[in-house]
Amino acid sequence: MNQEPISIIDVKRDAKKLIKGRLGTAIKINIIAIIVTVVTLSMMTFTVYAMIKDTSLMSNTDVSSTTTSLDLNPSEVIVSVLQDAAGLTFMWSVSWTIIDWFNKPEKNPRFIQTFQIFNNGKFPQSLLLAVVQSMLTFLWTMLFTIPGLIKHYSYAQTYFSYKLDLDAGKQANALTDYITRSRKIMNGRKWELFLLDLSFIGWHLLGILTAGLAYIYVIPYLNATKVAYSRRLFKLNNEANEEQ
């Protein structure tokens, strides 16, 4: 079955239309994501600097005296998966707020809505779903980077599928059903979403060059664009199902 392509230009236009004239609101509901991005960028910069410095020091020492261990510490794996799941859970909540904003663009969301995942009574289930997704992505990444990247895009619509059921007051038979739905709906779409991410490289470079300052605009724009893509994707999928 041929799939109707989703235009990068169109989803970016949807995002710009949503936040046009309301950048303050967009920043408000993305403020924590902006802070996390800037902090992460700073940590990565210091890490790269430290690695370069260590490499310089190692060049002046006996290389044969150094050892490298590829063994994975189970506790470190668990901590890594839980950290990823925690970040994923919060990002879902922010994205859900943007979804609500798209559904009712005339009503500006409040900052407190970005924590809706914690007060909708579904936090334990949401966190568990995020843990499962993070663990699956981690396991695929262990098979090399490419499989992990592919699964990252396969599972990219879990948050949207879950949100639809929450809003409709429904619950899947198993939480993993949302991951399965995402995998199915992203079949043949992973490259498309990858190109969408790739189109933001210039914006990320601007964020780096401005020491994170540009992310005040980039993060709200990026997150709104991702939601706009999901909206179009699920709309096309629903239309295709109705035709069958």
Protein backbone atom coordinates (compact mmCIF):
# COMPACT_ATOMS: atom_id res chain seq x y z
CA MET A 1 0.00 0.00 0.00
CA ASN A 2 1.40 3.36 -1.06
CA GLN A 3 1.71 5.88 1.74
CA GLU A 4 0.95 9.55 1.29
CA PRO A 5 4.12 11.40 2.26
CA ILE A 6 3.98 13.95 5.06
CA SER A 7 5.58 17.21 4.04
CA ILE A 8 8.24 18.61 6.35
CA ILE A 9 7.30 22.08 5.14
CA ASP A 10 3.65 21.51 6.05
CA VAL A 11 4.27 20.26 9.60
CA LYS A 12 6.68 23.11 10.25
CA ARG A 13 4.04 25.50 8.97
CA ASP A 14 1.52 23.97 11.39
CA ALA A 15 3.96 24.49 14.27
CA LYS A 16 4.74 28.08 13.31
CA LYS A 17 1.04 28.86 13.00
CA LEU A 18 0.40 27.51 16.49
CA ILE A 19 3.12 29.51 18.24
CA LYS A 20 2.90 32.66 16.08
CA GLY A 21 2.26 35.64 18.31
CA ARG A 22 2.25 33.36 21.36
CA LEU A 23 5.93 32.57 21.76
CA GLY A 24 5.71 33.42 25.44
CA THR A 25 3.18 30.64 25.98
CA ALA A 26 5.28 28.23 23.91
CA ILE A 27 8.35 29.01 26.00
CA LYS A 28 6.38 28.69 29.23
CA ILE A 29 5.19 25.14 28.53
CA ASN A 30 8.63 24.12 27.23
CA ILE A 31 10.75 25.92 29.81
CA ILE A 32 11.92 22.80 31.65
CA ALA A 33 12.72 21.08 28.36
CA ILE A 34 14.72 24.16 27.36
CA ILE A 35 16.65 24.14 30.64
CA VAL A 36 17.36 20.40 30.37
CA THR A 37 18.60 20.84 26.80
CA VAL A 38 20.94 23.68 27.74
CA VAL A 39 22.27 21.78 30.78
CA THR A 40 22.78 18.65 28.66
CA LEU A 41 24.60 20.69 26.05
CA SER A 42 26.88 22.13 28.73
CA MET A 43 27.62 18.69 30.15
CA MET A 44 28.39 17.31 26.71
CA THR A 45 30.74 20.21 26.04
CA PHE A 46 32.63 19.58 29.29
CA THR A 47 32.71 15.84 28.59
CA VAL A 48 34.20 16.35 25.12
CA TYR A 49 36.75 18.75 26.58
CA ALA A 50 37.68 16.23 29.28
CA MET A 51 38.02 13.45 26.70
CA ILE A 52 40.30 15.58 24.55
CA LYS A 53 42.37 16.49 27.60
CA ASP A 54 42.60 12.84 28.70
CA THR A 55 43.63 11.78 25.20
CA SER A 56 46.38 14.37 25.28
CA LEU A 57 47.61 13.04 28.63
CA MET A 58 47.45 9.42 27.47
CA SER A 59 49.66 10.23 24.51
CA ASN A 60 52.42 10.99 27.01
CA THR A 61 51.99 7.74 28.95
CA ASP A 62 52.60 4.07 28.26
CA VAL A 63 49.55 2.94 26.29
CA SER A 64 50.20 -0.68 27.22
CA SER A 65 49.48 0.16 30.85
CA THR A 66 45.92 1.18 30.11
CA THR A 67 43.02 -1.22 29.90
CA THR A 68 39.54 -0.89 28.46
CA SER A 69 36.56 -2.78 29.76
CA LEU A 70 33.44 -3.29 27.70
CA ASP A 71 31.68 -5.11 30.52
CA LEU A 72 28.32 -3.63 31.41
CA ASN A 73 27.52 -3.06 35.04
CA PRO A 74 23.88 -4.16 35.61
CA SER A 75 23.29 -1.38 38.12
CA GLU A 76 24.55 1.20 35.61
CA VAL A 77 22.24 -0.23 32.96
CA ILE A 78 19.25 0.00 35.30
CA VAL A 79 20.09 3.58 36.27
CA SER A 80 20.53 4.54 32.61
CA VAL A 81 17.19 3.00 31.59
CA LEU A 82 15.37 4.64 34.51
CA GLN A 83 16.92 8.03 33.71
CA ASP A 84 15.87 7.71 30.08
CA ALA A 85 12.38 6.64 31.15
CA ALA A 86 12.05 9.61 33.52
CA GLY A 87 13.05 12.01 30.77
CA LEU A 88 10.73 10.29 28.33
CA THR A 89 7.82 10.52 30.76
CA PHE A 90 8.26 14.24 31.23
CA MET A 91 8.64 14.85 27.49
CA TRP A 92 5.41 12.96 26.90
CA SER A 93 3.65 15.27 29.34
CA VAL A 94 5.00 18.34 27.52
CA SER A 95 3.98 16.87 24.16
CA TRP A 96 0.50 16.07 25.51
CA THR A 97 0.15 19.73 26.47
CA ILE A 98 1.05 20.72 22.93
CA ILE A 99 -1.49 18.21 21.61
CA ASP A 100 -4.16 19.85 23.78
CA TRP A 101 -3.06 23.23 22.43
CA PHE A 102 -3.41 22.04 18.84
CA ASN A 103 -6.87 20.69 19.63
CA LYS A 104 -7.92 24.01 21.16
CA PRO A 105 -5.59 26.65 19.64
CA GLU A 106 -7.75 29.49 20.89
CA LYS A 107 -6.99 28.53 24.49
CA ASN A 108 -3.41 29.07 25.67
CA PRO A 109 -2.23 26.24 27.95
CA ARG A 110 -0.98 26.97 31.44
CA PHE A 111 2.40 25.93 32.78
CA ILE A 112 0.79 23.52 35.25
CA GLN A 113 -0.57 21.51 32.30
CA THR A 114 2.94 20.37 31.46
CA PHE A 115 2.71 18.19 34.57
CA GLN A 116 -0.58 16.60 33.54
CA ILE A 117 1.00 13.14 33.43
CA PHE A 118 1.45 13.37 37.20
CA ASN A 119 -2.12 14.31 38.03
CA ASN A 120 -4.20 12.32 35.56
CA GLY A 121 -4.07 9.20 37.72
CA LYS A 122 -2.01 7.38 35.11
CA PHE A 123 1.51 8.25 36.22
CA PRO A 124 2.51 4.72 37.39
CA GLN A 125 1.29 3.23 34.10
CA SER A 126 2.92 6.00 32.08
CA LEU A 127 6.24 5.52 33.85
CA LEU A 128 6.06 1.75 33.36
CA LEU A 129 5.36 2.23 29.67
CA ALA A 130 8.32 4.61 29.41
CA VAL A 131 10.55 2.09 31.22
CA VAL A 132 9.53 -0.67 28.79
CA GLN A 133 10.16 1.56 25.78
CA SER A 134 13.52 2.69 27.15
CA MET A 135 14.58 -0.87 27.89
CA LEU A 136 13.61 -2.10 24.42
CA THR A 137 15.49 0.76 22.79
CA PHE A 138 18.52 0.03 24.98
CA LEU A 139 18.50 -3.67 24.09
CA TRP A 140 18.32 -2.90 20.37
CA THR A 141 21.13 -0.37 20.74
CA MET A 142 23.26 -3.14 22.23
CA LEU A 143 23.13 -4.78 18.79
CA PHE A 144 24.92 -1.69 17.42
CA THR A 145 23.82 1.90 17.02
CA ILE A 146 21.81 1.56 13.81
CA PRO A 147 19.25 -0.98 15.14
CA GLY A 148 18.80 1.19 18.23
CA LEU A 149 18.24 4.27 16.07
CA ILE A 150 15.71 2.41 13.92
CA LYS A 151 13.76 1.32 16.99
CA HIS A 152 13.90 4.85 18.37
CA TYR A 153 11.87 5.95 15.36
CA SER A 154 9.68 2.85 15.45
CA TYR A 155 8.57 3.73 18.98
CA ALA A 156 8.34 7.49 18.34
CA GLN A 157 4.51 7.53 18.27
CA THR A 158 3.93 5.67 21.53
CA TYR A 159 3.21 8.95 23.34
CA PHE A 160 0.56 10.00 20.81
CA SER A 161 -1.19 6.63 20.71
CA TYR A 162 -1.33 6.57 24.51
CA LYS A 163 -2.66 10.13 24.67
CA LEU A 164 -5.51 9.30 22.27
CA ASP A 165 -6.71 6.50 24.53
CA LEU A 166 -6.36 8.62 27.68
CA ASP A 167 -8.46 11.38 26.15
CA ALA A 168 -11.05 8.83 25.01
CA GLY A 169 -11.13 7.18 28.44
CA LYS A 170 -9.94 3.89 26.98
CA GLN A 171 -7.16 1.55 28.00
CA ALA A 172 -5.33 -0.97 25.84
CA ASN A 173 -5.25 -4.61 26.92
CA ALA A 174 -1.53 -4.22 27.63
CA LEU A 175 0.69 -1.14 27.84
CA THR A 176 2.98 -2.70 25.24
CA ASP A 177 0.08 -2.38 22.78
CA TYR A 178 0.95 1.32 22.45
CA ILE A 179 4.50 0.46 21.47
CA THR A 180 3.15 -2.06 18.98
CA ARG A 181 0.78 0.54 17.51
CA SER A 182 3.65 2.98 17.15
CA ARG A 183 5.79 0.36 15.44
CA LYS A 184 3.01 -0.45 12.98
CA ILE A 185 2.10 3.15 12.18
CA MET A 186 5.77 4.05 11.69
CA ASN A 187 6.27 1.18 9.25
CA GLY A 188 7.66 2.86 6.14
CA ARG A 189 7.78 6.23 7.92
CA LYS A 190 11.01 6.03 9.91
CA TRP A 191 13.16 7.62 7.21
CA GLU A 192 10.58 10.39 6.84
CA LEU A 193 10.76 11.27 10.54
CA PHE A 194 14.55 10.98 10.48
CA LEU A 195 14.66 13.58 7.70
CA LEU A 196 12.39 15.82 9.78
CA ASP A 197 14.89 15.61 12.65
CA LEU A 198 17.74 16.19 10.21
CA SER A 199 16.10 19.41 9.01
CA PHE A 200 16.69 20.89 12.47
CA ILE A 201 20.47 20.45 12.39
CA GLY A 202 20.95 24.11 11.47
CA TRP A 203 18.81 25.14 14.44
CA HIS A 204 20.83 22.93 16.77
CA LEU A 205 24.05 24.43 15.47
CA LEU A 206 22.62 27.86 16.17
CA GLY A 207 21.78 26.71 19.68
CA ILE A 208 25.36 25.55 20.21
CA LEU A 209 26.88 28.71 18.76
CA THR A 210 24.72 30.88 21.01
CA ALA A 211 25.62 28.82 24.12
CA GLY A 212 22.05 27.51 24.30
CA LEU A 213 20.31 30.88 24.03
CA ALA A 214 18.66 30.05 20.69
CA TYR A 215 17.01 27.01 22.26
CA ILE A 216 14.51 29.38 23.86
CA TYR A 217 12.88 29.40 20.43
CA VAL A 218 14.20 26.16 18.91
CA ILE A 219 12.81 23.75 21.54
CA PRO A 220 9.19 25.06 21.40
CA TYR A 221 9.38 25.07 17.60
CA LEU A 222 10.87 21.56 17.47
CA ASN A 223 8.39 20.03 19.92
CA ALA A 224 5.41 21.64 18.20
CA THR A 225 6.67 20.34 14.84
CA LYS A 226 6.97 16.79 16.20
CA VAL A 227 3.38 16.92 17.46
CA ALA A 228 2.21 18.40 14.17
CA TYR A 229 3.83 15.45 12.38
CA SER A 230 2.09 12.96 14.70
CA ARG A 231 -1.28 14.63 14.13
CA ARG A 232 -0.95 14.34 10.37
CA LEU A 233 0.35 10.78 10.63
CA PHE A 234 -2.55 9.50 12.73
CA LYS A 235 -5.05 11.38 10.57
CA LEU A 236 -3.73 9.65 7.46
CA ASN A 237 -3.74 6.31 9.25
CA ASN A 238 -7.36 6.75 10.34
CA GLU A 239 -8.40 7.71 6.81
CA ALA A 240 -6.63 4.66 5.41
CA ASN A 241 -8.39 2.38 7.92
CA GLU A 242 -11.78 3.85 7.03
CA GLU A 243 -11.19 3.12 3.34
CA GLN A 244 -10.47 -0.53 4.02
